[in-house]
């Protein structure tokens, strides 16, 4: 009997920026709000069950929906007391996930503003194709 193997390669429609910062999530969200003229506000945490440690991990989320430009911003914590959301990027403390139509110029301008923020050590655009556990960012 002939077997057919189906593969599913989703096309993720967001930009992901990794952010390193020593600040608490609420202070970083406030700081980004001031720099980017956003209104990131606290949303329900992402809860993921970690099979390896048999425990639930909770990651904070701050969100802003810009209805004028049809853009959604999510500031997601990459760290919790018992692990990381995306282990392969454990050097980043937060991710800024942006849904919407952004040009390369828009992304470059946004990165430049983030890099000028005194509460951010480093910020950079991440390649989604290299993230093995990308599904954790779909919620």
Protein backbone atom coordinates (compact mmCIF):
# COMPACT_ATOMS: atom_id res chain seq x y z
CA UNK A 1 0.00 0.00 0.00
CA UNK A 2 1.35 3.40 -0.97
CA UNK A 3 1.66 5.92 1.86
CA UNK A 4 1.31 9.63 1.39
CA UNK A 5 2.90 11.96 3.90
CA UNK A 6 1.26 15.33 4.35
CA UNK A 7 3.28 18.25 5.57
CA UNK A 8 1.88 21.52 6.80
CA UNK A 9 3.99 24.63 6.46
CA UNK A 10 1.97 27.54 7.80
CA UNK A 11 2.67 31.03 6.58
CA UNK A 12 2.95 33.18 9.67
CA UNK A 13 1.66 36.68 9.06
CA UNK A 14 3.55 38.57 11.74
CA UNK A 15 6.89 40.20 12.40
CA UNK A 16 8.76 39.16 15.53
CA UNK A 17 11.24 41.39 17.29
CA UNK A 18 13.38 40.04 20.13
CA UNK A 19 14.03 42.43 23.01
CA UNK A 20 16.55 42.16 25.85
CA UNK A 21 15.74 44.26 28.89
CA UNK A 22 16.28 44.10 32.63
CA UNK A 23 13.00 45.91 33.29
CA UNK A 24 9.75 44.39 34.52
CA UNK A 25 7.13 43.74 31.86
CA UNK A 26 4.83 46.59 32.92
CA UNK A 27 7.66 49.15 32.95
CA UNK A 28 8.91 48.01 29.54
CA UNK A 29 5.36 48.18 28.13
CA UNK A 30 4.98 51.72 29.49
CA UNK A 31 8.33 52.70 27.99
CA UNK A 32 7.46 51.23 24.56
CA UNK A 33 4.08 52.98 24.70
CA UNK A 34 5.86 56.32 25.10
CA UNK A 35 8.37 55.67 22.32
CA UNK A 36 6.00 54.19 19.72
CA UNK A 37 2.83 56.07 20.66
CA UNK A 38 1.02 52.83 21.52
CA UNK A 39 -1.34 51.80 24.29
CA UNK A 40 -0.06 48.35 25.27
CA UNK A 41 -2.24 47.05 28.09
CA UNK A 42 -2.11 43.87 30.17
CA UNK A 43 -3.99 40.88 28.78
CA UNK A 44 -4.47 37.34 30.02
CA UNK A 45 -1.21 35.39 30.38
CA UNK A 46 -0.26 32.65 27.95
CA UNK A 47 -0.32 29.32 29.83
CA UNK A 48 1.64 26.42 28.36
CA UNK A 49 2.04 22.98 29.89
CA UNK A 50 5.68 21.91 29.80
CA UNK A 51 5.76 18.11 29.40
CA UNK A 52 9.46 17.90 30.27
CA UNK A 53 8.93 19.33 33.76
CA UNK A 54 5.24 18.39 34.14
CA UNK A 55 4.25 21.93 35.04
CA UNK A 56 2.41 24.92 33.60
CA UNK A 57 4.36 27.98 32.52
CA UNK A 58 2.74 31.44 32.43
CA UNK A 59 4.01 34.25 30.23
CA UNK A 60 2.73 37.82 30.43
CA UNK A 61 1.18 39.55 27.43
CA UNK A 62 0.54 43.24 26.76
CA UNK A 63 -1.45 44.10 23.66
CA UNK A 64 -2.48 47.10 21.53
CA UNK A 65 -4.86 46.95 18.56
CA UNK A 66 -4.32 49.89 16.21
CA UNK A 67 -7.61 49.90 14.30
CA UNK A 68 -6.60 52.91 12.21
CA UNK A 69 -3.58 51.15 10.67
CA UNK A 70 -5.00 47.61 11.04
CA UNK A 71 -2.04 46.55 13.15
CA UNK A 72 -1.92 44.42 16.31
CA UNK A 73 1.03 44.65 18.71
CA UNK A 74 1.74 42.01 21.37
CA UNK A 75 4.55 42.35 23.90
CA UNK A 76 5.16 38.81 25.16
CA UNK A 77 7.46 37.75 27.97
CA UNK A 78 9.93 35.03 27.00
CA UNK A 79 10.81 34.19 30.61
CA UNK A 80 8.90 32.87 33.57
CA UNK A 81 10.08 31.43 36.88
CA UNK A 82 10.29 27.92 35.39
CA UNK A 83 11.60 28.34 31.85
CA UNK A 84 11.33 30.05 28.48
CA UNK A 85 8.55 30.43 25.94
CA UNK A 86 10.97 30.09 22.99
CA UNK A 87 14.01 28.22 24.29
CA UNK A 88 16.18 28.78 21.20
CA UNK A 89 16.00 32.55 21.81
CA UNK A 90 16.66 32.45 25.55
CA UNK A 91 18.89 35.54 25.30
CA UNK A 92 15.77 37.63 24.67
CA UNK A 93 13.54 38.59 27.59
CA UNK A 94 10.57 39.72 25.48
CA UNK A 95 9.13 39.48 22.00
CA UNK A 96 7.25 42.23 20.19
CA UNK A 97 4.89 40.46 17.80
CA UNK A 98 3.33 42.67 15.12
CA UNK A 99 0.46 41.62 12.87
CA UNK A 100 -0.25 43.90 9.93
CA UNK A 101 1.12 45.20 6.69
CA UNK A 102 4.55 46.60 7.51
CA UNK A 103 7.16 47.56 4.96
CA UNK A 104 10.87 46.96 5.51
CA UNK A 105 11.19 50.70 6.09
CA UNK A 106 8.49 50.59 8.80
CA UNK A 107 10.28 47.74 10.56
CA UNK A 108 13.66 49.48 10.34
CA UNK A 109 12.18 52.70 11.74
CA UNK A 110 10.48 50.81 14.57
CA UNK A 111 13.75 49.01 15.44
CA UNK A 112 15.63 52.32 15.48
CA UNK A 113 13.11 53.76 17.96
CA UNK A 114 13.34 50.68 20.17
CA UNK A 115 17.14 50.78 20.15
CA UNK A 116 17.04 54.39 21.42
CA UNK A 117 14.95 53.30 24.42
CA UNK A 118 17.07 53.39 27.61
CA UNK A 119 15.20 50.37 29.01
CA UNK A 120 16.13 48.16 26.05
CA UNK A 121 19.59 46.61 25.83
CA UNK A 122 19.15 45.10 22.37
CA UNK A 123 16.34 44.67 19.83
CA UNK A 124 16.39 42.77 16.56
CA UNK A 125 14.08 41.24 13.99
CA UNK A 126 13.94 37.45 14.19
CA UNK A 127 13.71 34.94 11.35
CA UNK A 128 10.47 33.01 11.90
CA UNK A 129 11.64 30.07 9.81
CA UNK A 130 14.36 29.31 12.37
CA UNK A 131 12.02 29.04 15.36
CA UNK A 132 11.13 25.42 16.06
CA UNK A 133 8.43 26.19 18.61
CA UNK A 134 6.76 29.01 16.66
CA UNK A 135 3.34 27.53 17.40
CA UNK A 136 3.61 28.83 20.97
CA UNK A 137 3.30 32.35 19.57
CA UNK A 138 -0.07 31.67 17.99
CA UNK A 139 -2.79 32.42 20.54
